[in-house]
Amino acid sequence: MGPVSASRPDAQPLNVRRTTVSDLTQAWTGLIAACLLYAAACDISVRLIPNRLSAAVIALALPFRLLDHDLLPGIAVTLVMFTVLTGAWLLRLIGGGDVKFWTACSLLIPPSAAAQGLFSLRVILCGGGVALAYLTLRLLVRSTLPIAALPRSRRWIARVWRAEQWRARRNGSIPYGVAIALSAWVTFVPSVPH
């Protein structure tokens, strides 16, 4: 049976769903969520946020800044953020990967002072929460998760736990990428056009 002619009175309309800007926005937002989640996981497991991940966040943020017609102010705010965070890195307050990731995430956020200030405040507060969790971890450092007792698909959890115990005993670094990713997500989502 061939296609239905639109000139016939009994012709049924084709139920073709068109892709809308909202659909593309949701898909793009999902990619951003995946990048943020992967960055947090990398920072927890190996204390490293890959440069390509920060670059991907920047690439994914650009269409949102274009849709909001604030690409140039967004880039300007991102450069200011990079300068400030580089100063914090020089003072050894934050790691280099965190500087790049925080800078990349700042491009996701609308370039207004209120939105950027809220984002930075959330990163700082969430970072304090992560630091508190790691102080608590240092108290629990004696308990271990037996790798053999876990199913094969979950053994990575025990490996990460053991690595965290090792870091805690040596006063290792805190995965600030978790705070950055969570704060970026919480600040970014309300600004996404629907």
N, C-alpha and C. Protein backbone atom coordinates (compact mmCIF):
# COMPACT_ATOMS: atom_id res chain seq x y z
N MET A 1 0.84 -1.17 0.00
CA MET A 1 0.00 0.00 0.00
C MET A 1 0.89 1.23 0.00
N GLY A 2 0.65 2.15 -0.89
CA GLY A 2 1.45 3.36 -1.06
C GLY A 2 1.04 4.45 -0.09
N PRO A 3 1.70 5.60 -0.16
CA PRO A 3 1.36 6.71 0.73
C PRO A 3 -0.04 7.25 0.43
N VAL A 4 -0.68 7.77 1.45
CA VAL A 4 -2.03 8.29 1.31
C VAL A 4 -1.97 9.66 0.67
N SER A 5 -2.82 9.89 -0.32
CA SER A 5 -2.86 11.17 -1.01
C SER A 5 -3.58 12.19 -0.14
N ALA A 6 -3.01 13.37 -0.03
CA ALA A 6 -3.63 14.42 0.78
C ALA A 6 -4.85 15.01 0.11
N SER A 7 -5.04 14.78 -1.19
CA SER A 7 -6.18 15.36 -1.90
C SER A 7 -7.45 14.54 -1.69
N ARG A 8 -7.34 13.32 -1.24
CA ARG A 8 -8.52 12.50 -1.00
C ARG A 8 -9.17 12.90 0.31
N PRO A 9 -10.50 12.95 0.35
CA PRO A 9 -11.19 13.36 1.58
C PRO A 9 -11.01 12.36 2.72
N ASP A 10 -10.81 11.09 2.42
CA ASP A 10 -10.68 10.09 3.49
C ASP A 10 -9.22 9.87 3.90
N ALA A 11 -8.33 10.74 3.43
CA ALA A 11 -6.91 10.59 3.74
C ALA A 11 -6.66 10.87 5.22
N GLN A 12 -5.87 10.03 5.83
CA GLN A 12 -5.50 10.19 7.23
C GLN A 12 -4.19 10.98 7.32
N PRO A 13 -4.09 11.89 8.25
CA PRO A 13 -2.83 12.62 8.39
C PRO A 13 -1.73 11.68 8.87
N LEU A 14 -0.56 11.92 8.38
CA LEU A 14 0.59 11.12 8.81
C LEU A 14 0.97 11.54 10.22
N ASN A 15 1.17 10.58 11.08
CA ASN A 15 1.56 10.85 12.47
C ASN A 15 3.08 10.90 12.58
N VAL A 16 3.62 11.93 12.00
CA VAL A 16 5.06 12.12 12.04
C VAL A 16 5.37 13.12 13.15
N ARG A 17 6.16 12.68 14.09
CA ARG A 17 6.53 13.56 15.20
C ARG A 17 7.75 14.35 14.77
N ARG A 18 7.64 15.64 14.88
CA ARG A 18 8.75 16.51 14.49
C ARG A 18 9.64 16.76 15.70
N THR A 19 10.91 16.85 15.43
CA THR A 19 11.86 17.16 16.48
C THR A 19 11.78 18.65 16.77
N THR A 20 11.60 18.99 18.02
CA THR A 20 11.48 20.40 18.40
C THR A 20 12.74 20.86 19.11
N VAL A 21 12.82 22.16 19.31
CA VAL A 21 13.95 22.72 20.06
C VAL A 21 13.97 22.14 21.47
N SER A 22 12.79 21.92 22.03
CA SER A 22 12.70 21.35 23.38
C SER A 22 13.31 19.94 23.42
N ASP A 23 13.04 19.14 22.38
CA ASP A 23 13.62 17.79 22.31
C ASP A 23 15.15 17.86 22.25
N LEU A 24 15.65 18.76 21.43
CA LEU A 24 17.10 18.91 21.30
C LEU A 24 17.71 19.42 22.60
N THR A 25 17.01 20.34 23.25
CA THR A 25 17.48 20.87 24.53
C THR A 25 17.56 19.76 25.57
N GLN A 26 16.55 18.90 25.61
CA GLN A 26 16.56 17.80 26.57
C GLN A 26 17.71 16.84 26.28
N ALA A 27 17.93 16.54 25.01
CA ALA A 27 19.03 15.63 24.65
C ALA A 27 20.37 16.26 25.03
N TRP A 28 20.52 17.54 24.72
CA TRP A 28 21.77 18.25 25.03
C TRP A 28 21.99 18.29 26.53
N THR A 29 20.92 18.54 27.29
CA THR A 29 21.00 18.57 28.75
C THR A 29 21.41 17.20 29.29
N GLY A 30 20.92 16.14 28.66
CA GLY A 30 21.32 14.79 29.05
C GLY A 30 22.81 14.55 28.84
N LEU A 31 23.35 15.06 27.74
CA LEU A 31 24.79 14.94 27.48
C LEU A 31 25.60 15.70 28.53
N ILE A 32 25.10 16.87 28.89
CA ILE A 32 25.78 17.65 29.93
C ILE A 32 25.75 16.89 31.25
N ALA A 33 24.60 16.33 31.59
CA ALA A 33 24.48 15.54 32.83
C ALA A 33 25.48 14.39 32.82
N ALA A 34 25.61 13.72 31.69
CA ALA A 34 26.56 12.61 31.59
C ALA A 34 27.99 13.09 31.81
N CYS A 35 28.34 14.23 31.23
CA CYS A 35 29.69 14.78 31.41
C CYS A 35 29.95 15.14 32.87
N LEU A 36 28.97 15.78 33.51
CA LEU A 36 29.14 16.17 34.91
C LEU A 36 29.27 14.95 35.81
N LEU A 37 28.45 13.95 35.56
CA LEU A 37 28.50 12.73 36.35
C LEU A 37 29.83 12.00 36.15
N TYR A 38 30.29 11.93 34.92
CA TYR A 38 31.56 11.26 34.62
C TYR A 38 32.73 12.02 35.26
N ALA A 39 32.67 13.35 35.24
CA ALA A 39 33.74 14.14 35.87
C ALA A 39 33.79 13.88 37.37
N ALA A 40 32.62 13.83 38.01
CA ALA A 40 32.58 13.55 39.44
C ALA A 40 33.13 12.15 39.73
N ALA A 41 32.75 11.18 38.91
CA ALA A 41 33.23 9.80 39.10
C ALA A 41 34.75 9.72 38.91
N CYS A 42 35.27 10.40 37.90
CA CYS A 42 36.72 10.40 37.68
C CYS A 42 37.45 11.04 38.85
N ASP A 43 36.90 12.14 39.35
CA ASP A 43 37.57 12.83 40.45
C ASP A 43 37.55 11.99 41.72
N ILE A 44 36.46 11.28 41.96
CA ILE A 44 36.41 10.40 43.13
C ILE A 44 37.40 9.25 42.98
N SER A 45 37.39 8.62 41.83
CA SER A 45 38.18 7.39 41.69
C SER A 45 39.67 7.63 41.49
N VAL A 46 40.06 8.61 40.69
CA VAL A 46 41.48 8.79 40.41
C VAL A 46 41.99 10.21 40.66
N ARG A 47 41.13 11.07 41.20
CA ARG A 47 41.49 12.47 41.50
C ARG A 47 42.02 13.19 40.26
N LEU A 48 41.36 12.95 39.16
CA LEU A 48 41.76 13.57 37.90
C LEU A 48 40.51 13.84 37.08
N ILE A 49 40.37 15.05 36.60
CA ILE A 49 39.27 15.39 35.68
C ILE A 49 39.92 15.58 34.32
N PRO A 50 39.62 14.69 33.37
CA PRO A 50 40.27 14.78 32.06
C PRO A 50 40.01 16.12 31.37
N ASN A 51 41.04 16.65 30.72
CA ASN A 51 40.90 17.91 29.99
C ASN A 51 39.83 17.82 28.92
N ARG A 52 39.73 16.67 28.27
CA ARG A 52 38.73 16.52 27.21
C ARG A 52 37.31 16.64 27.76
N LEU A 53 37.14 16.32 29.03
CA LEU A 53 35.82 16.45 29.65
C LEU A 53 35.47 17.92 29.87
N SER A 54 36.44 18.69 30.32
CA SER A 54 36.22 20.14 30.45
C SER A 54 35.95 20.76 29.09
N ALA A 55 36.68 20.31 28.08
CA ALA A 55 36.45 20.81 26.71
C ALA A 55 35.06 20.42 26.22
N ALA A 56 34.61 19.22 26.56
CA ALA A 56 33.26 18.78 26.15
C ALA A 56 32.19 19.63 26.81
N VAL A 57 32.38 19.97 28.08
CA VAL A 57 31.41 20.83 28.78
C VAL A 57 31.35 22.20 28.11
N ILE A 58 32.50 22.74 27.74
CA ILE A 58 32.51 24.03 27.03
C ILE A 58 31.76 23.91 25.71
N ALA A 59 32.05 22.86 24.95
CA ALA A 59 31.38 22.68 23.65
C ALA A 59 29.87 22.51 23.82
N LEU A 60 29.46 21.82 24.86
CA LEU A 60 28.02 21.62 25.11
C LEU A 60 27.36 22.89 25.65
N ALA A 61 28.13 23.75 26.30
CA ALA A 61 27.57 24.99 26.86
C ALA A 61 27.35 26.06 25.79
N LEU A 62 28.16 26.05 24.75
CA LEU A 62 28.08 27.10 23.73
C LEU A 62 26.69 27.26 23.12
N PRO A 63 25.99 26.19 22.73
CA PRO A 63 24.65 26.38 22.17
C PRO A 63 23.67 27.05 23.14
N PHE A 64 23.80 26.78 24.42
CA PHE A 64 22.91 27.42 25.40
C PHE A 64 23.20 28.91 25.49
N ARG A 65 24.48 29.28 25.43
CA ARG A 65 24.80 30.70 25.45
C ARG A 65 24.32 31.37 24.16
N LEU A 66 24.40 30.66 23.04
CA LEU A 66 23.89 31.21 21.78
C LEU A 66 22.38 31.37 21.82
N LEU A 67 21.67 30.37 22.36
CA LEU A 67 20.21 30.45 22.46
C LEU A 67 19.77 31.60 23.36
N ASP A 68 20.55 31.87 24.40
CA ASP A 68 20.23 32.96 25.32
C ASP A 68 20.76 34.31 24.83
N HIS A 69 21.45 34.31 23.69
CA HIS A 69 22.03 35.53 23.11
C HIS A 69 23.01 36.21 24.07
N ASP A 70 23.78 35.42 24.77
CA ASP A 70 24.77 35.99 25.69
C ASP A 70 26.10 35.25 25.61
N LEU A 71 26.49 34.91 24.40
CA LEU A 71 27.74 34.18 24.22
C LEU A 71 28.95 35.02 24.63
N LEU A 72 29.05 36.25 24.13
CA LEU A 72 30.21 37.07 24.46
C LEU A 72 30.28 37.41 25.95
N PRO A 73 29.17 37.81 26.59
CA PRO A 73 29.26 38.00 28.05
C PRO A 73 29.61 36.70 28.78
N GLY A 74 29.10 35.58 28.28
CA GLY A 74 29.41 34.28 28.90
C GLY A 74 30.89 33.96 28.82
N ILE A 75 31.48 34.23 27.66
CA ILE A 75 32.92 33.98 27.50
C ILE A 75 33.72 34.93 28.39
N ALA A 76 33.28 36.20 28.47
CA ALA A 76 33.97 37.17 29.33
C ALA A 76 33.94 36.73 30.79
N VAL A 77 32.78 36.30 31.27
CA VAL A 77 32.65 35.84 32.66
C VAL A 77 33.51 34.60 32.88
N THR A 78 33.55 33.72 31.90
CA THR A 78 34.35 32.50 32.00
C THR A 78 35.84 32.85 32.11
N LEU A 79 36.29 33.83 31.34
CA LEU A 79 37.70 34.25 31.42
C LEU A 79 38.02 34.88 32.78
N VAL A 80 37.09 35.67 33.31
CA VAL A 80 37.29 36.24 34.65
C VAL A 80 37.36 35.12 35.68
N MET A 81 36.44 34.15 35.56
CA MET A 81 36.43 33.02 36.49
C MET A 81 37.75 32.25 36.40
N PHE A 82 38.25 32.04 35.19
CA PHE A 82 39.52 31.34 35.02
C PHE A 82 40.66 32.10 35.70
N THR A 83 40.67 33.42 35.56
CA THR A 83 41.71 34.23 36.17
C THR A 83 41.67 34.13 37.70
N VAL A 84 40.48 34.25 38.27
CA VAL A 84 40.33 34.16 39.73
C VAL A 84 40.73 32.77 40.23
N LEU A 85 40.26 31.74 39.54
CA LEU A 85 40.56 30.37 39.97
C LEU A 85 42.03 30.02 39.78
N THR A 86 42.67 30.61 38.77
CA THR A 86 44.11 30.39 38.59
C THR A 86 44.87 30.96 39.78
N GLY A 87 44.40 32.10 40.29
CA GLY A 87 44.99 32.66 41.51
C GLY A 87 44.86 31.70 42.68
N ALA A 88 43.68 31.08 42.81
CA ALA A 88 43.47 30.09 43.88
C ALA A 88 44.38 28.88 43.68
N TRP A 89 44.60 28.49 42.43
CA TRP A 89 45.49 27.37 42.13
C TRP A 89 46.93 27.73 42.50
N LEU A 90 47.35 28.96 42.19
CA LEU A 90 48.71 29.38 42.53
C LEU A 90 48.94 29.38 44.04
N LEU A 91 47.88 29.63 44.79
CA LEU A 91 47.96 29.58 46.25
C LEU A 91 47.76 28.17 46.79
N ARG A 92 47.64 27.21 45.90
CA ARG A 92 47.43 25.79 46.23
C ARG A 92 46.14 25.55 47.02
N LEU A 93 45.12 26.34 46.71
CA LEU A 93 43.82 26.16 47.35
C LEU A 93 42.93 25.21 46.56
N ILE A 94 43.24 25.02 45.30
CA ILE A 94 42.42 24.20 44.41
C ILE A 94 43.34 23.58 43.36
N GLY A 95 42.96 22.41 42.87
CA GLY A 95 43.78 21.72 41.87
C GLY A 95 43.59 22.29 40.46
N GLY A 96 44.54 22.01 39.60
CA GLY A 96 44.48 22.51 38.23
C GLY A 96 43.30 21.96 37.44
N GLY A 97 42.99 20.68 37.62
CA GLY A 97 41.83 20.10 36.94
C GLY A 97 40.53 20.71 37.41
N ASP A 98 40.48 21.04 38.70
CA ASP A 98 39.29 21.70 39.25
C ASP A 98 39.13 23.09 38.66
N VAL A 99 40.24 23.80 38.46
CA VAL A 99 40.20 25.13 37.85
C VAL A 99 39.59 25.04 36.46
N LYS A 100 40.09 24.10 35.66
CA LYS A 100 39.59 23.97 34.29
C LYS A 100 38.13 23.53 34.26
N PHE A 101 37.77 22.60 35.13
CA PHE A 101 36.39 22.09 35.14
C PHE A 101 35.43 23.16 35.65
N TRP A 102 35.79 23.87 36.71
CA TRP A 102 34.94 24.94 37.26
C TRP A 102 34.76 26.03 36.20
N THR A 103 35.86 26.38 35.52
CA THR A 103 35.78 27.39 34.46
C THR A 103 34.84 26.93 33.35
N ALA A 104 34.97 25.68 32.93
CA ALA A 104 34.10 25.15 31.88
C ALA A 104 32.64 25.18 32.32
N CYS A 105 32.39 24.78 33.55
CA CYS A 105 31.01 24.76 34.06
C CYS A 105 30.44 26.16 34.20
N SER A 106 31.29 27.15 34.42
CA SER A 106 30.78 28.52 34.55
C SER A 106 30.17 29.01 33.24
N LEU A 107 30.59 28.43 32.12
CA LEU A 107 29.99 28.80 30.84
C LEU A 107 28.58 28.24 30.70
N LEU A 108 28.27 27.19 31.44
CA LEU A 108 26.90 26.65 31.43
C LEU A 108 25.91 27.61 32.09
N ILE A 109 26.39 28.37 33.05
CA ILE A 109 25.55 29.23 33.87
C ILE A 109 25.37 30.58 33.17
N PRO A 110 24.15 31.14 33.19
CA PRO A 110 23.97 32.48 32.60
C PRO A 110 24.98 33.47 33.19
N PRO A 111 25.48 34.39 32.36
CA PRO A 111 26.58 35.26 32.81
C PRO A 111 26.17 36.42 33.71
N SER A 112 25.04 36.35 34.37
CA SER A 112 24.67 37.42 35.31
C SER A 112 25.45 37.25 36.61
N ALA A 113 25.64 38.36 37.31
CA ALA A 113 26.37 38.31 38.59
C ALA A 113 25.64 37.42 39.59
N ALA A 114 24.30 37.49 39.59
CA ALA A 114 23.52 36.69 40.55
C ALA A 114 23.69 35.20 40.28
N ALA A 115 23.56 34.79 39.02
CA ALA A 115 23.66 33.36 38.69
C ALA A 115 25.07 32.83 38.94
N GLN A 116 26.08 33.59 38.53
CA GLN A 116 27.46 33.15 38.73
C GLN A 116 27.82 33.14 40.22
N GLY A 117 27.33 34.15 40.95
CA GLY A 117 27.58 34.19 42.39
C GLY A 117 26.93 33.02 43.10
N LEU A 118 25.69 32.70 42.70
CA LEU A 118 24.99 31.55 43.28
C LEU A 118 25.73 30.25 42.97
N PHE A 119 26.20 30.13 41.74
CA PHE A 119 26.96 28.94 41.35
C PHE A 119 28.22 28.80 42.21
N SER A 120 28.98 29.88 42.33
CA SER A 120 30.21 29.83 43.13
C SER A 120 29.92 29.54 44.59
N LEU A 121 28.87 30.15 45.13
CA LEU A 121 28.48 29.88 46.52
C LEU A 121 28.11 28.41 46.71
N ARG A 122 27.37 27.87 45.75
CA ARG A 122 27.00 26.45 45.84
C ARG A 122 28.22 25.55 45.77
N VAL A 123 29.18 25.90 44.91
CA VAL A 123 30.41 25.09 44.83
C VAL A 123 31.14 25.11 46.17
N ILE A 124 31.25 26.29 46.75
CA ILE A 124 31.96 26.42 48.03
C ILE A 124 31.25 25.65 49.14
N LEU A 125 29.92 25.81 49.23
CA LEU A 125 29.16 25.10 50.27
C LEU A 125 29.17 23.59 50.05
N CYS A 126 28.98 23.19 48.81
CA CYS A 126 29.00 21.75 48.50
C CYS A 126 30.40 21.19 48.73
N GLY A 127 31.42 21.96 48.39
CA GLY A 127 32.79 21.54 48.66
C GLY A 127 33.04 21.36 50.14
N GLY A 128 32.44 22.23 50.96
CA GLY A 128 32.53 22.06 52.41
C GLY A 128 31.86 20.78 52.86
N GLY A 129 30.73 20.45 52.23
CA GLY A 129 30.05 19.18 52.54
C GLY A 129 30.89 17.98 52.17
N VAL A 130 31.54 18.06 51.01
CA VAL A 130 32.42 16.96 50.59
C VAL A 130 33.59 16.84 51.56
N ALA A 131 34.14 17.98 51.97
CA ALA A 131 35.26 17.96 52.93
C ALA A 131 34.82 17.34 54.26
N LEU A 132 33.62 17.68 54.71
CA LEU A 132 33.09 17.11 55.94
C LEU A 132 32.92 15.59 55.81
N ALA A 133 32.43 15.17 54.64
CA ALA A 133 32.28 13.73 54.39
C ALA A 133 33.64 13.04 54.44
N TYR A 134 34.67 13.70 53.93
CA TYR A 134 35.99 13.09 53.95
C TYR A 134 36.61 13.10 55.34
N LEU A 135 36.28 14.09 56.14
CA LEU A 135 36.73 14.05 57.54
C LEU A 135 36.08 12.88 58.27
N THR A 136 34.81 12.66 57.98
CA THR A 136 34.10 11.51 58.56
C THR A 136 34.72 10.20 58.06
N LEU A 137 35.08 10.17 56.79
CA LEU A 137 35.70 8.97 56.21
C LEU A 137 36.99 8.63 56.95
N ARG A 138 37.72 9.64 57.34
CA ARG A 138 38.98 9.38 58.06
C ARG A 138 38.73 8.67 59.39
N LEU A 139 37.55 8.91 59.97
CA LEU A 139 37.19 8.21 61.21
C LEU A 139 36.79 6.76 60.93
N LEU A 140 36.25 6.51 59.74
CA LEU A 140 35.79 5.17 59.38
C LEU A 140 36.84 4.38 58.61
N VAL A 141 38.03 4.89 58.55
CA VAL A 141 39.05 4.33 57.68
C VAL A 141 39.41 2.88 58.01
N ARG A 142 39.10 2.43 59.21
CA ARG A 142 39.46 1.06 59.58
C ARG A 142 38.58 0.00 58.93
N SER A 143 37.34 0.33 58.63
CA SER A 143 36.44 -0.68 58.06
C SER A 143 36.78 -0.90 56.59
N THR A 144 36.72 -2.15 56.17
CA THR A 144 37.03 -2.47 54.78
C THR A 144 35.87 -3.22 54.14
N LEU A 145 35.81 -3.12 52.85
CA LEU A 145 34.82 -3.87 52.08
C LEU A 145 35.56 -5.03 51.41
N PRO A 146 35.22 -6.25 51.74
CA PRO A 146 35.91 -7.39 51.11
C PRO A 146 35.53 -7.49 49.63
N ILE A 147 36.52 -7.45 48.78
CA ILE A 147 36.27 -7.49 47.34
C ILE A 147 35.59 -8.79 46.94
N ALA A 148 36.02 -9.90 47.49
CA ALA A 148 35.46 -11.20 47.09
C ALA A 148 33.98 -11.34 47.45
N ALA A 149 33.52 -10.63 48.47
CA ALA A 149 32.12 -10.76 48.91
C ALA A 149 31.16 -10.02 47.98
N LEU A 150 31.67 -9.15 47.14
CA LEU A 150 30.81 -8.39 46.24
C LEU A 150 30.66 -9.11 44.90
N PRO A 151 29.52 -8.93 44.24
CA PRO A 151 29.39 -9.48 42.88
C PRO A 151 30.44 -8.84 41.97
N ARG A 152 30.83 -9.54 40.95
CA ARG A 152 31.87 -9.08 40.03
C ARG A 152 31.58 -7.68 39.49
N SER A 153 30.32 -7.37 39.21
CA SER A 153 29.98 -6.06 38.64
C SER A 153 30.12 -4.92 39.65
N ARG A 154 30.23 -5.23 40.93
CA ARG A 154 30.32 -4.19 41.97
C ARG A 154 31.68 -4.14 42.66
N ARG A 155 32.62 -4.89 42.19
CA ARG A 155 33.93 -4.93 42.87
C ARG A 155 34.67 -3.61 42.77
N TRP A 156 34.35 -2.81 41.77
CA TRP A 156 35.01 -1.52 41.64
C TRP A 156 34.70 -0.64 42.86
N ILE A 157 33.53 -0.84 43.48
CA ILE A 157 33.16 -0.05 44.66
C ILE A 157 34.17 -0.31 45.78
N ALA A 158 34.50 -1.58 46.00
CA ALA A 158 35.47 -1.92 47.05
C ALA A 158 36.85 -1.36 46.71
N ARG A 159 37.21 -1.38 45.43
CA ARG A 159 38.52 -0.84 45.03
C ARG A 159 38.58 0.67 45.29
N VAL A 160 37.50 1.38 44.92
CA VAL A 160 37.45 2.82 45.17
C VAL A 160 37.48 3.09 46.67
N TRP A 161 36.74 2.29 47.45
CA TRP A 161 36.73 2.45 48.91
C TRP A 161 38.14 2.28 49.48
N ARG A 162 38.86 1.26 49.01
CA ARG A 162 40.22 1.03 49.51
C ARG A 162 41.15 2.18 49.13
N ALA A 163 40.98 2.70 47.91
CA ALA A 163 41.79 3.85 47.49
C ALA A 163 41.48 5.07 48.36
N GLU A 164 40.20 5.24 48.68
CA GLU A 164 39.80 6.37 49.53
C GLU A 164 40.37 6.20 50.94
N GLN A 165 40.38 4.97 51.44
CA GLN A 165 40.97 4.71 52.76
C GLN A 165 42.45 5.07 52.75
N TRP A 166 43.14 4.67 51.70
CA TRP A 166 44.56 4.96 51.57
C TRP A 166 44.78 6.47 51.56
N ARG A 167 43.96 7.19 50.77
CA ARG A 167 44.08 8.65 50.69
C ARG A 167 43.77 9.29 52.04
N ALA A 168 42.74 8.79 52.72
CA ALA A 168 42.34 9.36 54.01
C ALA A 168 43.44 9.20 55.05
N ARG A 169 44.10 8.04 55.07
CA ARG A 169 45.19 7.82 56.03
C ARG A 169 46.36 8.78 55.78
N ARG A 170 46.51 9.21 54.55
CA ARG A 170 47.62 10.09 54.19
C ARG A 170 47.17 11.55 54.01
N ASN A 171 45.97 11.87 54.51
CA ASN A 171 45.42 13.22 54.35
C ASN A 171 45.45 13.66 52.89
N GLY A 172 44.97 12.79 52.02
CA GLY A 172 44.96 13.06 50.58
C GLY A 172 43.98 14.15 50.20
N SER A 173 43.98 14.46 48.93
CA SER A 173 43.15 15.54 48.42
C SER A 173 41.66 15.18 48.44
N ILE A 174 40.85 16.20 48.35
CA ILE A 174 39.39 16.03 48.36
C ILE A 174 38.91 16.18 46.92
N PRO A 175 37.98 15.33 46.48
CA PRO A 175 37.49 15.42 45.09
C PRO A 175 36.53 16.60 44.91
N TYR A 176 37.10 17.78 44.71
CA TYR A 176 36.29 18.99 44.58
C TYR A 176 35.45 18.98 43.31
N GLY A 177 35.81 18.15 42.34
CA GLY A 177 35.02 18.02 41.11
C GLY A 177 33.60 17.59 41.38
N VAL A 178 33.38 16.84 42.47
CA VAL A 178 32.03 16.42 42.85
C VAL A 178 31.19 17.65 43.18
N ALA A 179 31.76 18.55 43.98
CA ALA A 179 31.04 19.77 44.35
C ALA A 179 30.78 20.65 43.14
N ILE A 180 31.76 20.74 42.25
CA ILE A 180 31.60 21.56 41.05
C ILE A 180 30.51 20.99 40.16
N ALA A 181 30.54 19.67 39.94
CA ALA A 181 29.54 19.03 39.07
C ALA A 181 28.14 19.17 39.64
N LEU A 182 27.97 18.90 40.92
CA LEU A 182 26.65 18.99 41.54
C LEU A 182 26.13 20.42 41.51
N SER A 183 26.98 21.37 41.83
CA SER A 183 26.57 22.78 41.83
C SER A 183 26.25 23.27 40.43
N ALA A 184 27.02 22.83 39.45
CA ALA A 184 26.74 23.22 38.06
C ALA A 184 25.38 22.70 37.65
N TRP A 185 25.09 21.44 37.99
CA TRP A 185 23.81 20.85 37.60
C TRP A 185 22.64 21.58 38.26
N VAL A 186 22.76 21.82 39.56
CA VAL A 186 21.67 22.46 40.31
C VAL A 186 21.45 23.90 39.84
N THR A 187 22.50 24.58 39.44
CA THR A 187 22.37 25.96 38.98
C THR A 187 21.97 26.02 37.51
N PHE A 188 22.45 25.08 36.71
CA PHE A 188 22.20 25.10 35.26
C PHE A 188 20.78 24.71 34.89
N VAL A 189 20.24 23.67 35.49
CA VAL A 189 18.94 23.13 35.08
C VAL A 189 17.82 24.17 35.10
N PRO A 190 17.68 24.99 36.14
CA PRO A 190 16.59 25.98 36.11
C PRO A 190 16.74 27.02 35.00
N SER A 191 17.95 27.20 34.47
CA SER A 191 18.16 28.20 33.42
C SER A 191 17.93 27.66 32.02
N VAL A 192 17.70 26.34 31.90
CA VAL A 192 17.52 25.73 30.58
C VAL A 192 16.15 26.12 30.01
N PRO A 193 16.12 26.63 28.77
CA PRO A 193 14.82 26.97 28.17
C PRO A 193 14.02 25.71 27.89
N HIS A 194 12.72 25.78 28.15
CA HIS A 194 11.86 24.60 27.95
C HIS A 194 11.08 24.71 26.68
